Amino acid sequence: MNGRGWSDDDLAALRRLVAAGWTDARIGAALGRARETVQRKRAALRLAPGQPEAMTAAVRRLAARRRAARGLQGGSP
């Protein structure tokens, strides 16, 4: 193994940041690792790549509109 290993804290941070939609490059900068290293570890853990921040924001806006539309449909449960 080259370089330093992944601690439990590093792996938890990787999972959290991928889930938050961070890119491999941004995660690498935050964890002090190369983008390629993050990409390989993410792939080994079978984590989907993070979305660009603009896409993440767009997905959140769409989800909020859908939730609001469901709330406006009315009717009794």
C-alpha atoms as a PDB file:
ATOM      1  CA  MET A   1       0.000   0.000   0.000  1.00  0.00           C
ATOM      2  CA  ASN A   2       1.312   3.407  -0.944  1.00  0.00           C
ATOM      3  CA  GLY A   3       0.695   6.541   1.073  1.00  0.00           C
ATOM      4  CA  ARG A   4      -1.385   6.579   4.191  1.00  0.00           C
ATOM      5  CA  GLY A   5      -4.350   4.339   4.849  1.00  0.00           C
ATOM      6  CA  TRP A   6      -7.957   5.365   5.338  1.00  0.00           C
ATOM      7  CA  SER A   7      -9.005   5.716   8.973  1.00  0.00           C
ATOM      8  CA  ASP A   8     -12.572   5.088  10.100  1.00  0.00           C
ATOM      9  CA  ASP A   9     -12.975   8.867  10.431  1.00  0.00           C
ATOM     10  CA  ASP A  10     -11.695   9.392   6.875  1.00  0.00           C
ATOM     11  CA  LEU A  11     -14.151   6.821   5.525  1.00  0.00           C
ATOM     12  CA  ALA A  12     -17.035   8.373   7.457  1.00  0.00           C
ATOM     13  CA  ALA A  13     -16.111  11.808   6.092  1.00  0.00           C
ATOM     14  CA  LEU A  14     -15.876  10.399   2.556  1.00  0.00           C
ATOM     15  CA  ARG A  15     -19.332   8.846   2.803  1.00  0.00           C
ATOM     16  CA  ARG A  16     -20.816  12.025   4.303  1.00  0.00           C
ATOM     17  CA  LEU A  17     -19.286  14.317   1.679  1.00  0.00           C
ATOM     18  CA  VAL A  18     -20.276  12.072  -1.237  1.00  0.00           C
ATOM     19  CA  ALA A  19     -23.826  11.986   0.132  1.00  0.00           C
ATOM     20  CA  ALA A  20     -23.742  15.794   0.325  1.00  0.00           C
ATOM     21  CA  GLY A  21     -22.937  15.904  -3.386  1.00  0.00           C
ATOM     22  CA  TRP A  22     -19.304  16.988  -3.184  1.00  0.00           C
ATOM     23  CA  THR A  23     -17.050  16.217  -6.154  1.00  0.00           C
ATOM     24  CA  ASP A  24     -14.016  13.954  -5.811  1.00  0.00           C
ATOM     25  CA  ALA A  25     -11.718  16.961  -6.247  1.00  0.00           C
ATOM     26  CA  ARG A  26     -13.425  18.924  -3.477  1.00  0.00           C
ATOM     27  CA  ILE A  27     -13.418  15.898  -1.156  1.00  0.00           C
ATOM     28  CA  GLY A  28      -9.741  15.346  -1.906  1.00  0.00           C
ATOM     29  CA  ALA A  29      -8.927  18.937  -1.011  1.00  0.00           C
ATOM     30  CA  ALA A  30     -10.884  18.666   2.241  1.00  0.00           C
ATOM     31  CA  LEU A  31      -9.226  15.378   3.235  1.00  0.00           C
ATOM     32  CA  GLY A  32      -5.747  16.224   1.972  1.00  0.00           C
ATOM     33  CA  ARG A  33      -5.785  13.527  -0.715  1.00  0.00           C
ATOM     34  CA  ALA A  34      -5.544  13.484  -4.495  1.00  0.00           C
ATOM     35  CA  ARG A  35      -8.755  13.446  -6.528  1.00  0.00           C
ATOM     36  CA  GLU A  36      -7.725  10.117  -8.065  1.00  0.00           C
ATOM     37  CA  THR A  37      -7.255   8.567  -4.618  1.00  0.00           C
ATOM     38  CA  VAL A  38     -10.728   9.683  -3.565  1.00  0.00           C
ATOM     39  CA  GLN A  39     -12.165   8.418  -6.853  1.00  0.00           C
ATOM     40  CA  ARG A  40     -10.594   4.959  -6.405  1.00  0.00           C
ATOM     41  CA  LYS A  41     -11.756   4.633  -2.784  1.00  0.00           C
ATOM     42  CA  ARG A  42     -15.264   5.836  -3.644  1.00  0.00           C
ATOM     43  CA  ALA A  43     -15.457   3.283  -6.464  1.00  0.00           C
ATOM     44  CA  ALA A  44     -14.126   0.511  -4.184  1.00  0.00           C
ATOM     45  CA  LEU A  45     -16.874   1.353  -1.668  1.00  0.00           C
ATOM     46  CA  ARG A  46     -19.423   1.437  -4.514  1.00  0.00           C
ATOM     47  CA  LEU A  47     -20.447   4.996  -3.723  1.00  0.00           C
ATOM     48  CA  ALA A  48     -21.980   6.957  -6.593  1.00  0.00           C
ATOM     49  CA  PRO A  49     -20.017  10.052  -7.586  1.00  0.00           C
ATOM     50  CA  GLY A  50     -21.095  13.344  -6.092  1.00  0.00           C
ATOM     51  CA  GLN A  51     -22.991  15.772  -8.242  1.00  0.00           C
ATOM     52  CA  PRO A  52     -21.742  19.234  -9.077  1.00  0.00           C
ATOM     53  CA  GLU A  53     -23.080  21.748  -6.573  1.00  0.00           C
ATOM     54  CA  ALA A  54     -25.295  23.456  -9.159  1.00  0.00           C
ATOM     55  CA  MET A  55     -26.970  20.133  -9.952  1.00  0.00           C
ATOM     56  CA  THR A  56     -27.404  19.326  -6.256  1.00  0.00           C
ATOM     57  CA  ALA A  57     -29.106  22.702  -5.719  1.00  0.00           C
ATOM     58  CA  ALA A  58     -31.363  22.124  -8.739  1.00  0.00           C
ATOM     59  CA  VAL A  59     -32.361  18.672  -7.462  1.00  0.00           C
ATOM     60  CA  ARG A  60     -33.164  20.127  -4.027  1.00  0.00           C
ATOM     61  CA  ARG A  61     -35.326  22.876  -5.578  1.00  0.00           C
ATOM     62  CA  LEU A  62     -37.208  20.323  -7.672  1.00  0.00           C
ATOM     63  CA  ALA A  63     -37.803  18.086  -4.638  1.00  0.00           C
ATOM     64  CA  ALA A  64     -39.091  21.082  -2.647  1.00  0.00           C
ATOM     65  CA  ARG A  65     -41.493  22.003  -5.470  1.00  0.00           C
ATOM     66  CA  ARG A  66     -42.771  18.426  -5.606  1.00  0.00           C
ATOM     67  CA  ARG A  67     -43.311  18.337  -1.839  1.00  0.00           C
ATOM     68  CA  ALA A  68     -45.139  21.659  -2.003  1.00  0.00           C
ATOM     69  CA  ALA A  69     -47.310  20.444  -4.889  1.00  0.00           C
ATOM     70  CA  ARG A  70     -48.303  17.338  -2.925  1.00  0.00           C
ATOM     71  CA  GLY A  71     -49.233  19.520   0.022  1.00  0.00           C
ATOM     72  CA  LEU A  72     -51.381  21.743  -2.189  1.00  0.00           C
ATOM     73  CA  GLN A  73     -53.350  18.861  -3.726  1.00  0.00           C
ATOM     74  CA  GLY A  74     -55.569  18.886  -0.682  1.00  0.00           C
ATOM     75  CA  GLY A  75     -57.996  16.182   0.247  1.00  0.00           C
ATOM     76  CA  SER A  76     -58.167  14.290   3.462  1.00  0.00           C
ATOM     77  CA  PRO A  77     -55.656  11.549   4.266  1.00  0.00           C
END
